[in-house]
Protein backbone atom coordinates (compact mmCIF):
# COMPACT_ATOMS: atom_id res chain seq x y z
CA MET A 1 65.39 -16.76 -17.36
CA SER A 2 65.98 -13.06 -16.70
CA MET A 3 67.14 -13.40 -13.12
CA SER A 4 69.81 -15.93 -12.00
CA GLU A 5 68.31 -18.99 -10.38
CA LYS A 6 70.36 -18.50 -7.19
CA ASN A 7 68.49 -15.25 -6.63
CA VAL A 8 65.08 -16.80 -7.13
CA LEU A 9 65.18 -20.48 -6.08
CA PHE A 10 66.66 -21.60 -2.78
CA LYS A 11 66.93 -25.41 -2.53
CA ASN A 12 66.44 -27.68 0.44
CA THR A 13 66.33 -24.95 3.08
CA ALA A 14 65.96 -27.13 6.20
CA ASP A 15 69.14 -29.17 5.80
CA GLN A 16 71.12 -27.60 8.67
CA LEU A 17 70.62 -27.70 12.45
CA GLY A 18 70.24 -24.52 14.54
CA ARG A 19 69.12 -21.13 13.45
CA ASN A 20 70.23 -20.36 9.89
CA TRP A 21 69.47 -17.35 7.67
CA ILE A 22 68.30 -18.61 4.34
CA ILE A 23 67.01 -15.63 2.35
CA THR A 24 67.94 -11.98 3.02
CA PRO A 25 68.36 -8.81 0.96
CA GLU A 26 72.09 -9.59 0.78
CA ASN A 27 71.58 -12.82 -1.17
CA SER A 28 68.44 -12.03 -3.12
CA ASP A 29 66.67 -9.16 -4.87
CA LEU A 30 64.47 -8.48 -1.87
CA ASP A 31 64.63 -5.06 -0.19
CA SER A 32 63.84 -6.10 3.43
CA LEU A 33 62.03 -9.44 3.72
CA GLY A 34 63.96 -12.28 5.36
CA TYR A 35 63.52 -16.02 6.02
CA ALA A 36 65.44 -18.07 8.58
CA ARG A 37 65.04 -21.72 9.56
CA ILE A 38 65.38 -23.08 13.11
CA VAL A 39 65.81 -26.87 13.19
CA LEU A 40 66.38 -28.60 16.53
CA ASN A 41 66.89 -32.24 17.51
CA ASP A 42 68.90 -34.27 20.10
CA GLU A 43 72.11 -33.14 18.51
CA GLU A 44 71.26 -29.47 18.91
CA PRO A 45 68.31 -29.17 21.29
CA GLU A 46 68.20 -25.33 21.75
CA VAL A 47 69.43 -21.98 20.36
CA GLU A 48 69.71 -18.46 21.74
CA TYR A 49 67.31 -15.98 20.14
CA SER A 50 67.22 -12.23 19.58
CA ASN A 51 65.62 -9.86 17.04
CA PRO A 52 67.11 -6.43 17.83
CA ASP A 53 65.69 -4.35 14.95
CA PHE A 54 63.17 -6.52 13.04
CA GLU A 55 59.81 -8.03 13.75
CA SER A 56 59.44 -11.83 13.43
CA ALA A 57 56.81 -14.49 12.88
CA LEU A 58 57.87 -17.92 14.24
CA ILE A 59 55.80 -20.65 12.60
CA CYS A 60 56.09 -24.19 13.81
CA LEU A 61 56.14 -26.71 10.84
CA ALA A 62 56.90 -29.83 12.78
CA GLY A 63 57.57 -31.21 16.24
CA GLU A 64 57.09 -29.47 19.59
CA GLY A 65 59.05 -26.88 21.45
CA GLU A 66 59.19 -23.85 23.66
CA VAL A 67 60.06 -20.22 22.93
CA THR A 68 61.15 -18.17 25.97
CA LEU A 69 61.32 -14.36 25.52
CA ASN A 70 62.16 -12.00 28.36
CA GLY A 71 60.92 -14.55 30.90
CA ASP A 72 57.67 -15.45 29.10
CA SER A 73 57.42 -18.94 27.67
CA TYR A 74 55.24 -20.21 24.78
CA SER A 75 54.71 -23.91 24.00
CA MET A 76 54.33 -24.59 20.31
CA LYS A 77 53.25 -27.36 18.05
CA PRO A 78 52.39 -27.48 14.28
CA TYR A 79 51.18 -24.78 13.01
CA ASP A 80 51.19 -22.52 16.05
CA THR A 81 52.63 -19.09 15.39
CA LEU A 82 54.35 -16.53 17.59
CA PHE A 83 54.64 -12.87 16.54
CA VAL A 84 57.66 -11.21 18.05
CA PRO A 85 58.11 -7.39 17.92
CA PRO A 86 61.68 -6.01 17.73
CA GLY A 87 63.95 -6.03 20.78
CA ASN A 88 63.31 -9.42 22.32
CA GLU A 89 65.88 -11.93 23.59
CA GLY A 90 65.59 -15.45 24.89
CA ARG A 91 65.98 -19.04 23.77
CA ILE A 92 64.22 -21.71 21.66
CA GLN A 93 64.35 -25.35 22.66
CA LYS A 94 62.72 -28.53 21.61
CA THR A 95 60.40 -30.42 24.03
CA GLY A 96 59.70 -33.37 21.70
CA ASP A 97 61.95 -35.37 19.35
CA ASN A 98 62.44 -32.39 17.13
CA PHE A 99 61.27 -28.76 16.64
CA ASP A 100 61.17 -27.09 13.20
CA LEU A 101 60.38 -23.39 12.95
CA VAL A 102 60.12 -20.96 10.04
CA GLU A 103 61.21 -17.47 11.01
CA CYS A 104 59.79 -14.63 8.84
CA THR A 105 61.36 -11.18 9.32
CA ALA A 106 60.98 -7.55 8.26
CA PRO A 107 62.65 -4.41 9.62
CA SER A 108 60.39 -2.56 12.17
CA ASP A 109 60.48 -0.03 14.86
CA GLU A 110 57.07 -0.90 16.33
CA VAL A 111 57.69 -2.07 19.87
CA GLY A 112 55.22 -4.21 21.80
CA SER A 113 54.52 -7.58 23.29
CA ALA A 114 54.72 -11.00 21.64
CA VAL A 115 51.42 -12.45 20.41
CA PHE A 116 50.80 -16.19 20.40
CA VAL A 117 48.47 -17.49 17.71
CA PRO A 118 47.37 -21.06 18.51
CA PHE A 119 46.50 -22.95 15.33
CA ASP A 120 43.61 -24.82 17.00
CA GLU A 121 41.83 -21.49 17.51
CA LEU A 122 42.79 -20.01 14.14
CA ASN A 123 41.53 -23.11 12.34
CA GLU A 124 38.07 -22.40 13.73
CA ASP A 125 38.05 -18.74 12.80
CA PRO A 126 36.14 -18.18 9.46
CA GLU A 127 37.87 -14.86 8.93
CA LEU A 128 41.36 -16.44 9.08
CA THR A 129 40.73 -19.96 7.74
CA GLN A 130 38.89 -20.43 4.45
CA ASP A 131 38.36 -22.82 1.59
CA LEU A 132 38.78 -20.97 -1.71
CA GLY A 133 38.69 -21.64 -5.42
CA PHE A 134 36.78 -23.68 -7.92
CA ASP A 135 37.39 -26.78 -9.96
CA GLY A 136 41.09 -27.16 -10.56
CA CYS A 137 42.21 -24.57 -8.07
CA HIS A 138 40.81 -25.58 -4.68
CA ARG A 139 42.95 -24.70 -1.62
CA ARG A 140 42.59 -24.14 2.08
CA ILE A 141 44.13 -20.91 3.41
CA HIS A 142 45.24 -20.06 6.95
CA ARG A 143 46.09 -16.38 7.59
CA LEU A 144 48.51 -16.73 10.53
CA ILE A 145 49.77 -13.12 10.61
CA ASP A 146 47.11 -10.78 9.43
CA GLU A 147 44.67 -8.37 11.19
CA ASN A 148 44.76 -10.65 14.19
CA VAL A 149 48.37 -9.42 15.03
CA PRO A 150 49.64 -5.88 15.33
CA ALA A 151 52.57 -6.35 12.93
CA GLN A 152 54.01 -3.33 11.19
CA ARG A 153 54.90 -5.00 7.92
CA LEU A 154 54.62 -8.79 7.94
CA LEU A 155 51.79 -10.91 6.51
CA CYS A 156 52.17 -14.76 6.69
CA GLY A 157 50.08 -17.83 6.17
CA LEU A 158 49.69 -21.40 4.89
CA ILE A 159 48.13 -22.77 1.77
CA PHE A 160 47.21 -26.46 1.35
CA SER A 161 46.00 -27.33 -2.21
CA LYS A 162 43.93 -30.22 -3.34
CA ASP A 163 45.80 -32.86 -5.31
CA GLY A 164 46.76 -31.73 -8.74
CA ASN A 165 45.27 -28.26 -8.24
CA TRP A 166 46.54 -24.71 -9.00
CA THR A 167 46.94 -22.17 -6.25
CA SER A 168 47.62 -18.40 -6.24
CA TRP A 169 44.99 -18.39 -8.96
CA ALA A 170 43.83 -16.14 -10.60
CA PRO A 171 47.42 -15.00 -11.23
CA HIS A 172 48.18 -11.79 -9.31
CA GLU A 173 51.04 -9.50 -8.48
CA HIS A 174 51.82 -6.83 -5.84
CA ALA A 175 55.27 -5.46 -6.79
CA ALA A 176 54.31 -1.87 -5.92
CA THR A 177 53.45 -2.64 -2.35
CA LYS A 178 54.78 -6.07 -1.13
CA GLU A 179 57.54 -8.59 -1.67
CA GLU A 180 57.12 -12.26 -0.92
CA ILE A 181 58.72 -15.68 -0.41
CA TYR A 182 56.98 -19.04 -0.99
CA LEU A 183 58.30 -21.91 1.14
CA TYR A 184 57.05 -25.37 0.21
CA PHE A 185 56.39 -27.99 2.91
CA GLU A 186 54.72 -31.30 3.58
CA MET A 187 55.54 -32.39 0.03
CA PRO A 188 57.66 -35.57 0.60
CA PRO A 189 59.14 -37.39 -2.40
CA PRO A 190 58.05 -38.13 -5.04
CA SER A 191 55.86 -34.98 -4.72
CA PHE A 192 56.72 -31.70 -6.43
CA GLY A 193 55.00 -28.66 -7.89
CA ILE A 194 55.62 -26.27 -10.67
CA GLN A 195 56.09 -22.60 -9.82
CA LEU A 196 55.84 -19.71 -12.17
CA VAL A 197 56.98 -16.08 -11.57
CA TYR A 198 56.56 -13.80 -14.62
CA GLU A 199 55.71 -10.34 -15.87
CA ASP A 200 55.78 -11.71 -19.48
CA ILE A 201 54.83 -15.38 -19.63
CA GLU A 202 57.12 -15.71 -22.71
CA ALA A 203 60.12 -14.68 -20.57
CA PRO A 204 59.45 -15.79 -16.98
CA GLU A 205 61.68 -14.81 -14.08
CA TYR A 206 61.19 -18.37 -12.86
CA LEU A 207 59.46 -21.43 -14.30
CA GLY A 208 60.35 -24.77 -12.83
CA PRO A 209 59.84 -27.53 -10.30
CA VAL A 210 59.83 -26.95 -6.53
CA TYR A 211 60.25 -29.64 -3.87
CA ASN A 212 59.79 -29.98 -0.18
CA ASN A 213 61.60 -27.25 1.76
CA ASP A 214 62.50 -25.25 -1.35
CA ALA A 215 61.78 -21.52 -1.33
CA VAL A 216 61.16 -19.04 -4.16
CA VAL A 217 61.61 -15.27 -3.98
CA ILE A 218 58.86 -13.20 -5.52
CA LYS A 219 60.10 -9.63 -6.03
CA LYS A 220 57.76 -8.86 -8.92
CA GLY A 221 55.39 -10.59 -11.36
CA TYR A 222 52.54 -12.94 -11.36
CA HIS A 223 53.17 -16.18 -9.41
CA PRO A 224 50.69 -19.02 -9.75
CA ASN A 225 51.75 -22.59 -9.10
CA VAL A 226 50.34 -26.07 -9.64
CA ALA A 227 50.64 -29.48 -7.99
CA ILE A 228 51.28 -32.64 -9.85
CA PRO A 229 48.36 -35.21 -10.17
CA GLY A 230 47.83 -37.19 -7.04
CA TYR A 231 49.76 -34.81 -4.78
CA PRO A 232 49.14 -31.32 -3.24
CA ILE A 233 51.34 -28.23 -3.36
CA ASN A 234 51.59 -26.74 0.15
CA PHE A 235 53.44 -23.56 1.03
CA VAL A 236 54.08 -20.89 3.64
CA TRP A 237 53.72 -17.41 2.21
CA ILE A 238 55.97 -14.88 3.75
CA MET A 239 55.14 -11.29 2.74
CA ALA A 240 56.00 -7.78 3.80
CA THR A 241 55.09 -4.33 2.77
CA LEU A 242 57.84 -2.38 1.04
CA ASP A 243 57.84 0.24 3.75
CA PRO A 244 55.99 0.76 7.08
CA SER A 245 53.63 3.45 5.71
CA MET A 246 51.86 1.04 3.31
CA GLU A 247 48.59 -0.63 4.11
CA ARG A 248 49.26 -4.16 5.43
CA SER A 249 46.68 -6.11 3.40
CA TRP A 250 47.02 -9.39 1.62
CA SER A 251 44.12 -8.50 -0.73
CA ASP A 252 45.88 -5.39 -2.13
CA VAL A 253 46.92 -7.14 -5.42
CA ASN A 254 46.56 -6.75 -9.11
CA THR A 255 44.96 -9.70 -10.99
CA GLN A 256 46.36 -10.56 -14.47
CA PRO A 257 43.86 -8.86 -16.68
CA GLU A 258 42.98 -11.90 -18.76
CA PHE A 259 41.75 -13.62 -15.59
CA VAL A 260 39.99 -10.81 -13.74
CA ASP A 261 36.62 -12.56 -13.74
CA GLU A 262 37.97 -15.86 -12.25
């Protein structure tokens, strides 16, 4: 393995209450992309929130809660998403038994208003929710932060695979334009998947198992993954352009040449 595992694989990233930074440029090979986790329950029912110099996407993975920013409140349930431009302050609190949010971040100077993306509506939008693939690599994709939101750099979404299927197939890479994090969710034991990250398959940057709430950094290389038989591999993809001038498009990728026709 050419990069140390601590810089690529982050284990069990939802094991602490409150708002906790999990992956940043300081503890990984990423230039700007970040991932924080906000976990609330009766022991810690709310946290203060601010994003002074970065844009954020708050994605609800479980439970119910409310995000209040500069006096405006947004009620969230799974998989509702809130895009937050830089310079907001407020609080996040649970309204049910628990509230579990993924926070995706990238530096930005693009001011504006928060945009709420209700999953019920996005799930009915054929441009943002699609079933893709063929035998062996079927998956359902939800583009939570895409052309629907005026982000400067972020692109985020969900993938749910069929049991035992591959995703991120055909293998592709986007090291010249975007960096990425995969965060695996709704994969309770004994489920797991196998994630690959490689430029040269004979010397992969990462090749190994991934479990519920693990996260993998994808700085460069092709990055397909596969579920074990009888179980899916589900993940949040967190992606950002390398700088604000680049086109913010999830489709701007290079397919591994051997698989271009798939």
